[in-house]
Protein backbone atom coordinates (compact mmCIF):
# COMPACT_ATOMS: atom_id res chain seq x y z
CA UNK A 1 1.08 1.44 76.39
CA UNK A 2 -1.41 -1.49 75.63
CA UNK A 3 0.06 -3.58 78.47
CA UNK A 4 -0.30 -0.70 80.97
CA UNK A 5 -3.85 -0.15 79.92
CA UNK A 6 -4.60 -3.92 80.54
CA UNK A 7 -2.84 -3.90 83.94
CA UNK A 8 -4.92 -0.75 85.00
CA UNK A 9 -8.03 -2.36 83.66
CA UNK A 10 -7.49 -5.56 85.71
CA UNK A 11 -6.58 -3.50 88.92
CA UNK A 12 -9.41 -1.04 88.57
CA UNK A 13 -11.90 -3.71 87.70
CA UNK A 14 -11.03 -6.14 90.52
CA UNK A 15 -10.73 -3.24 92.96
CA UNK A 16 -14.14 -1.66 92.01
CA UNK A 17 -16.02 -5.06 92.29
CA UNK A 18 -14.73 -5.88 95.78
CA UNK A 19 -15.17 -2.19 96.72
CA UNK A 20 -18.82 -2.32 95.84
CA UNK A 21 -19.13 -5.61 97.85
CA UNK A 22 -17.63 -4.07 100.92
CA UNK A 23 -19.73 -0.90 100.43
CA UNK A 24 -22.82 -2.96 100.83
CA UNK A 25 -21.66 -4.22 104.06
CA UNK A 26 -20.47 -0.87 105.29
CA UNK A 27 -23.71 0.90 104.47
CA UNK A 28 -25.89 -1.91 106.06
CA UNK A 29 -23.65 -1.86 109.19
CA UNK A 30 -24.05 1.87 109.57
CA UNK A 31 -27.81 1.48 109.15
CA UNK A 32 -27.87 -1.31 111.90
CA UNK A 33 -25.83 1.05 114.41
CA UNK A 34 -22.72 -0.89 114.25
CA UNK A 35 -19.44 1.04 115.07
CA UNK A 36 -17.37 0.75 111.95
CA UNK A 37 -13.70 1.30 112.75
CA UNK A 38 -12.44 1.46 109.18
CA UNK A 39 -13.68 1.53 105.58
CA UNK A 40 -10.99 1.35 103.11
CA UNK A 41 -10.35 0.97 99.29
CA UNK A 42 -7.37 -1.11 98.73
CA UNK A 43 -4.79 -2.56 100.99
CA UNK A 44 -1.42 -1.70 102.32
CA UNK A 45 -0.26 1.56 103.61
CA UNK A 46 -2.66 4.62 103.62
CA UNK A 47 -2.40 7.15 100.78
CA UNK A 48 -5.34 9.23 101.96
CA UNK A 49 -7.09 8.99 105.04
CA UNK A 50 -9.78 10.94 107.02
CA UNK A 51 -11.60 9.96 110.28
CA UNK A 52 -15.20 11.13 110.67
CA UNK A 53 -17.64 10.01 113.61
CA UNK A 54 -15.19 7.36 114.75
CA UNK A 55 -14.65 5.67 111.42
CA UNK A 56 -11.46 5.89 109.45
CA UNK A 57 -11.90 6.27 105.53
CA UNK A 58 -8.91 5.43 103.66
CA UNK A 59 -7.51 4.98 100.16
CA UNK A 60 -4.71 2.53 100.30
CA UNK A 61 -1.63 1.82 98.20
CA UNK A 62 -2.59 -1.38 96.61
CA UNK A 63 -5.96 -0.92 94.76
CA UNK A 64 -7.23 -4.50 94.80
CA UNK A 65 -10.55 -4.40 96.67
CA UNK A 66 -11.21 -3.15 100.06
CA UNK A 67 -12.40 -3.97 103.45
CA UNK A 68 -14.71 -2.98 106.39
CA UNK A 69 -13.45 -3.45 109.95
CA UNK A 70 -16.51 -3.43 112.46
CA UNK A 71 -16.12 -3.34 116.32
CA UNK A 72 -16.54 -6.75 117.79
CA UNK A 73 -16.49 -8.75 114.69
CA UNK A 74 -13.77 -10.93 116.08
CA UNK A 75 -15.01 -13.19 118.80
CA UNK A 76 -11.85 -12.95 120.77
CA UNK A 77 -11.94 -9.10 120.81
CA UNK A 78 -15.74 -8.65 121.36
CA UNK A 79 -16.71 -7.00 124.57
CA UNK A 80 -20.52 -7.35 124.25
CA UNK A 81 -21.17 -3.70 123.72
CA UNK A 82 -24.42 -2.77 122.04
CA UNK A 83 -22.69 -1.22 119.04
CA UNK A 84 -20.55 -4.30 118.24
CA UNK A 85 -21.19 -6.62 115.33
CA UNK A 86 -21.52 -9.82 117.26
CA UNK A 87 -23.86 -8.04 119.79
CA UNK A 88 -26.67 -7.53 117.11
CA UNK A 89 -29.60 -9.57 116.63
CA UNK A 90 -29.14 -12.52 114.50
CA UNK A 91 -31.41 -11.19 111.62
CA UNK A 92 -29.44 -7.93 111.46
CA UNK A 93 -26.09 -9.83 111.13
CA UNK A 94 -27.77 -11.71 108.38
CA UNK A 95 -28.68 -8.38 106.71
CA UNK A 96 -25.14 -7.23 106.79
CA UNK A 97 -23.75 -10.48 105.30
CA UNK A 98 -26.31 -10.48 102.64
CA UNK A 99 -25.73 -6.84 101.77
CA UNK A 100 -22.26 -7.51 100.22
CA UNK A 101 -23.50 -10.08 97.58
CA UNK A 102 -26.63 -8.30 96.93
CA UNK A 103 -24.67 -5.09 96.16
CA UNK A 104 -22.60 -7.18 93.54
CA UNK A 105 -25.97 -8.21 91.96
CA UNK A 106 -27.08 -4.60 91.85
CA UNK A 107 -23.83 -3.63 90.12
CA UNK A 108 -24.16 -6.36 87.58
CA UNK A 109 -27.68 -5.31 86.72
CA UNK A 110 -26.46 -1.71 86.33
CA UNK A 111 -23.61 -2.50 84.14
CA UNK A 112 -25.61 -4.92 81.98
CA UNK A 113 -28.38 -2.21 81.59
CA UNK A 114 -25.84 0.46 80.72
CA UNK A 115 -24.22 -1.73 78.14
CA UNK A 116 -27.36 -2.86 76.54
CA UNK A 117 -28.79 0.70 76.40
CA UNK A 118 -25.62 2.31 74.94
CA UNK A 119 -24.28 -0.48 72.61
CA UNK A 120 -27.30 -2.64 72.15
CA UNK A 121 -28.13 -6.32 72.96
CA UNK A 122 -26.36 -9.29 71.31
CA UNK A 123 -27.70 -12.82 71.40
CA UNK A 124 -26.12 -15.97 70.26
CA UNK A 125 -27.90 -17.63 67.25
CA UNK A 126 -29.37 -20.98 68.39
CA UNK A 127 -29.16 -22.24 64.80
CA UNK A 128 -26.31 -24.30 63.32
CA UNK A 129 -24.87 -21.27 61.53
CA UNK A 130 -21.17 -20.54 61.93
CA UNK A 131 -20.32 -17.15 63.14
CA UNK A 132 -16.62 -17.13 63.22
CA UNK A 133 -13.75 -19.62 62.50
CA UNK A 134 -10.56 -19.81 64.66
CA UNK A 135 -7.24 -19.86 62.74
CA UNK A 136 -5.19 -23.13 63.00
CA UNK A 137 -8.08 -25.18 64.07
CA UNK A 138 -9.51 -28.09 62.03
CA UNK A 139 -12.43 -26.00 60.71
CA UNK A 140 -10.21 -23.50 59.29
CA UNK A 141 -7.98 -26.12 57.83
CA UNK A 142 -11.03 -27.80 56.18
CA UNK A 143 -12.07 -24.43 54.57
CA UNK A 144 -15.08 -23.65 56.73
CA UNK A 145 -16.08 -19.87 56.60
CA UNK A 146 -18.43 -17.62 58.56
CA UNK A 147 -21.95 -18.02 57.27
CA UNK A 148 -21.75 -21.69 56.53
CA UNK A 149 -24.39 -23.78 57.97
CA UNK A 150 -23.66 -27.26 59.41
CA UNK A 151 -26.35 -29.68 58.31
CA UNK A 152 -25.07 -33.01 59.77
CA UNK A 153 -22.09 -34.55 61.49
CA UNK A 154 -21.27 -38.17 60.76
CA UNK A 155 -24.81 -38.71 59.16
CA UNK A 156 -26.63 -37.20 62.28
CA UNK A 157 -28.78 -34.16 61.26
CA UNK A 158 -27.99 -31.07 63.47
CA UNK A 159 -30.14 -27.86 63.52
CA UNK A 160 -28.95 -26.12 66.70
CA UNK A 161 -25.66 -25.03 68.11
CA UNK A 162 -26.38 -27.26 71.25
CA UNK A 163 -26.80 -30.24 68.95
CA UNK A 164 -23.33 -29.56 67.37
CA UNK A 165 -21.72 -29.46 70.78
CA UNK A 166 -23.38 -32.67 71.84
CA UNK A 167 -22.32 -34.46 68.64
CA UNK A 168 -18.61 -33.33 69.11
CA UNK A 169 -18.36 -33.97 72.73
CA UNK A 170 -17.03 -37.47 72.57
CA UNK A 171 -15.25 -37.18 69.17
CA UNK A 172 -12.03 -35.68 70.36
CA UNK A 173 -8.98 -36.77 68.25
CA UNK A 174 -11.34 -38.56 65.75
CA UNK A 175 -12.40 -37.87 62.23
CA UNK A 176 -15.82 -36.76 61.53
CA UNK A 177 -17.61 -36.04 58.11
CA UNK A 178 -19.51 -32.84 58.05
CA UNK A 179 -22.19 -31.71 55.63
CA UNK A 180 -21.93 -28.08 54.96
CA UNK A 181 -24.40 -25.67 53.39
CA UNK A 182 -22.98 -22.47 51.77
CA UNK A 183 -25.64 -20.40 50.04
CA UNK A 184 -27.19 -22.72 47.43
CA UNK A 185 -24.24 -25.02 47.42
CA UNK A 186 -23.82 -28.12 49.77
CA UNK A 187 -20.65 -30.07 50.26
CA UNK A 188 -19.04 -32.54 52.76
CA UNK A 189 -15.72 -32.13 54.51
CA UNK A 190 -13.76 -34.58 56.77
CA UNK A 191 -12.35 -32.89 59.92
CA UNK A 192 -10.10 -34.16 62.47
CA UNK A 193 -11.82 -33.02 65.75
CA UNK A 194 -9.47 -31.17 68.12
CA UNK A 195 -9.48 -31.83 71.91
CA UNK A 196 -10.08 -29.14 74.34
CA UNK A 197 -6.91 -29.38 76.60
CA UNK A 198 -8.99 -28.64 79.82
CA UNK A 199 -12.43 -30.25 79.51
CA UNK A 200 -11.33 -33.06 77.08
CA UNK A 201 -14.41 -32.59 74.74
CA UNK A 202 -14.12 -32.36 71.01
CA UNK A 203 -13.86 -28.84 69.31
CA UNK A 204 -13.25 -27.73 65.79
CA UNK A 205 -12.56 -24.04 66.37
CA UNK A 206 -15.86 -22.37 65.39
CA UNK A 207 -18.26 -19.94 67.22
CA UNK A 208 -22.04 -19.48 66.75
CA UNK A 209 -23.31 -16.40 64.89
CA UNK A 210 -24.12 -13.35 66.80
CA UNK A 211 -27.27 -11.20 66.33
CA UNK A 212 -27.37 -7.61 67.57
CA UNK A 213 -30.47 -5.41 68.24
CA UNK A 214 -30.93 -2.05 69.90
CA UNK A 215 -32.85 -1.77 73.18
CA UNK A 216 -34.38 1.16 75.16
CA UNK A 217 -33.85 1.82 78.89
CA UNK A 218 -36.75 -0.32 80.24
CA UNK A 219 -35.88 -3.29 77.96
CA UNK A 220 -32.18 -2.84 78.89
CA UNK A 221 -33.10 -2.99 82.50
CA UNK A 222 -35.25 -6.02 82.07
CA UNK A 223 -32.39 -7.77 80.17
CA UNK A 224 -29.92 -6.62 82.89
CA UNK A 225 -31.92 -8.40 85.45
CA UNK A 226 -32.52 -11.36 83.37
CA UNK A 227 -28.80 -11.83 82.40
CA UNK A 228 -27.68 -11.45 86.01
CA UNK A 229 -30.14 -14.31 87.09
CA UNK A 230 -29.25 -16.25 84.09
CA UNK A 231 -25.47 -16.13 85.04
CA UNK A 232 -26.41 -17.54 88.44
CA UNK A 233 -28.78 -20.27 87.34
CA UNK A 234 -26.47 -21.50 84.45
CA UNK A 235 -23.54 -21.56 86.90
CA UNK A 236 -25.33 -23.36 89.73
CA UNK A 237 -26.91 -25.81 87.30
CA UNK A 238 -23.44 -26.63 85.84
CA UNK A 239 -21.90 -27.17 89.29
CA UNK A 240 -24.75 -29.43 90.45
CA UNK A 241 -24.64 -31.48 87.21
CA UNK A 242 -20.83 -32.00 87.75
CA UNK A 243 -21.35 -32.99 91.38
CA UNK A 244 -24.13 -35.32 90.45
CA UNK A 245 -22.12 -37.01 87.77
CA UNK A 246 -18.91 -36.96 89.80
CA UNK A 247 -17.09 -34.97 87.21
CA UNK A 248 -14.38 -32.23 87.73
CA UNK A 249 -15.84 -28.90 87.09
CA UNK A 250 -13.86 -26.41 85.05
CA UNK A 251 -13.19 -23.39 87.02
CA UNK A 252 -11.27 -20.16 86.54
CA UNK A 253 -9.10 -18.76 89.29
CA UNK A 254 -7.51 -15.27 89.66
CA UNK A 255 -5.01 -15.93 86.99
CA UNK A 256 -7.61 -16.84 84.42
CA UNK A 257 -10.01 -14.02 85.33
CA UNK A 258 -7.19 -11.47 85.18
CA UNK A 259 -6.17 -12.72 81.73
CA UNK A 260 -9.60 -12.45 80.39
CA UNK A 261 -10.24 -9.06 82.07
CA UNK A 262 -7.06 -7.79 80.35
CA UNK A 263 -8.16 -9.03 77.06
CA UNK A 264 -11.59 -7.43 77.41
CA UNK A 265 -9.89 -4.12 78.32
CA UNK A 266 -8.17 -4.26 75.05
CA UNK A 267 -11.32 -5.23 73.15
CA UNK A 268 -13.17 -2.14 74.17
CA UNK A 269 -15.66 -0.56 76.68
CA UNK A 270 -18.62 -2.62 75.95
CA UNK A 271 -16.84 -6.01 76.30
CA UNK A 272 -14.87 -4.74 79.36
CA UNK A 273 -18.03 -3.59 81.28
CA UNK A 274 -20.10 -6.63 80.33
CA UNK A 275 -17.29 -8.98 81.61
CA UNK A 276 -17.34 -6.85 85.02
CA UNK A 277 -21.01 -7.33 85.13
CA UNK A 278 -20.53 -11.20 84.63
CA UNK A 279 -17.75 -11.29 87.33
CA UNK A 280 -19.85 -9.09 89.71
CA UNK A 281 -22.67 -11.65 89.44
CA UNK A 282 -20.42 -14.55 89.97
CA UNK A 283 -18.80 -12.68 93.12
CA UNK A 284 -22.24 -12.20 94.44
CA UNK A 285 -23.15 -15.90 93.71
CA UNK A 286 -20.06 -17.32 95.28
CA UNK A 287 -20.33 -15.21 98.46
CA UNK A 288 -23.88 -16.64 98.93
CA UNK A 289 -22.74 -20.30 98.86
CA UNK A 290 -23.24 -21.84 102.29
CA UNK A 291 -19.47 -22.05 102.85
CA UNK A 292 -17.83 -21.08 106.23
CA UNK A 293 -15.91 -17.67 106.10
CA UNK A 294 -17.91 -16.31 103.02
CA UNK A 295 -21.12 -14.37 103.54
CA UNK A 296 -23.38 -17.40 102.72
CA UNK A 297 -21.63 -19.46 105.43
CA UNK A 298 -22.15 -16.62 107.91
CA UNK A 299 -25.85 -16.29 106.96
CA UNK A 300 -26.26 -20.12 107.78
CA UNK A 301 -24.47 -19.63 111.02
CA UNK A 302 -26.58 -16.80 112.10
CA UNK A 303 -29.72 -18.46 111.01
CA UNK A 304 -28.94 -21.27 113.25
CA UNK A 305 -28.27 -18.78 115.99
CA UNK A 306 -31.77 -17.57 115.53
CA UNK A 307 -33.23 -20.96 115.84
CA UNK A 308 -31.21 -21.80 119.05
CA UNK A 309 -32.11 -18.29 120.45
CA UNK A 310 -28.58 -17.76 121.70
CA UNK A 311 -25.15 -16.67 120.34
CA UNK A 312 -22.93 -19.37 119.04
CA UNK A 313 -19.68 -19.82 121.06
CA UNK A 314 -16.43 -18.23 119.86
CA UNK A 315 -14.78 -21.68 119.88
CA UNK A 316 -17.39 -22.95 117.46
CA UNK A 317 -17.01 -19.87 115.16
CA UNK A 318 -13.28 -20.40 115.15
CA UNK A 319 -13.63 -24.05 114.12
CA UNK A 320 -16.30 -23.18 111.51
CA UNK A 321 -13.97 -20.54 109.96
CA UNK A 322 -10.99 -22.82 109.89
CA UNK A 323 -12.97 -25.32 107.97
CA UNK A 324 -14.08 -22.64 105.59
CA UNK A 325 -10.57 -21.44 105.08
CA UNK A 326 -9.26 -25.01 104.17
CA UNK A 327 -12.33 -25.32 101.75
CA UNK A 328 -11.63 -21.90 100.10
CA UNK A 329 -7.88 -22.56 99.80
CA UNK A 330 -8.65 -25.98 98.14
CA UNK A 331 -10.87 -24.17 95.54
CA UNK A 332 -8.22 -21.50 94.98
CA UNK A 333 -5.45 -24.11 94.33
CA UNK A 334 -7.62 -26.14 92.11
CA UNK A 335 -8.80 -23.05 90.02
CA UNK A 336 -5.24 -21.73 89.86
CA UNK A 337 -3.93 -25.07 88.50
CA UNK A 338 -6.78 -24.95 85.98
CA UNK A 339 -5.60 -21.56 84.82
CA UNK A 340 -2.08 -22.87 84.46
CA UNK A 341 -3.35 -25.86 82.29
CA UNK A 342 -5.20 -23.30 80.09
CA UNK A 343 -1.97 -21.28 79.68
CA UNK A 344 0.24 -24.31 79.35
CA UNK A 345 2.28 -22.99 82.35
CA UNK A 346 2.02 -26.38 84.27
CA UNK A 347 4.76 -27.71 82.04
CA UNK A 348 7.24 -25.46 83.85
CA UNK A 349 6.48 -27.27 87.13
CA UNK A 350 6.72 -30.76 85.67
CA UNK A 351 10.32 -30.59 84.34
């Protein structure tokens, strides 16, 4: 029964996030007087369908996302009619492209606000206080307990969680001497620092302490906006840092996201909805990247069109999208392989 709930949680979660994205495109296209041929939830054969004012509304058999089909969005099929997508002014096409990612950010703010208002707001302690200890890792084997405070590592004083992470970063597979404060008692322990199999950094199997507080609607709304922005700023900053240092970024693909979403479904409504908010913000952010084929790439293309004062040729659009498809497939393969590394499934392909 638990597995069925997890599968449903993943299917509904993914489907809902993509549906909201496409709903943004759909509503904006309608507002811009574009002839929308189909607006569907899911993929595959129709389960339920209804046509109204020339638009087919459908619920399909496979509930993973949805799509909007607009007249004239394919350069090879466009006739130049006023109600076709590519016939619009450049700024209207930018609005339609932007509406999808923006809808994901609106959803993220709504979900964060709902969770904080109902279940309260949790923050990670910035101190060196241990919140939890993972079984079978070096911290647990050395006897560390929740509530312990790490005072120093190899003689270097640590007062914050960031200082602990920086200290352990290059100590993978090495011994380290920890000074621990437990109440009024202080002791030292020698730990064999474990190695994160994906990033290669040192870890000992501990998590920071969590602090929880209640919040009213307006504070929850403010925190919802802040968390949605923070998710983007932190992720973009991380990617830029990796690019500058020529290091491989740690990415999660569909397998990893589905796995975590399934775990969050089992953990409870608050964790599940908060994770949906995080993924919704990430989906909005990714679609704003200036990459061909995604919304951000189309925004760049139409902005150039506005500067030139004329439509870009169908041939250029085709080449542009082909480059984008190659790039996106590369990210997909890399992220999926990273997922397999985390799960240890890559060994199946190396035998």
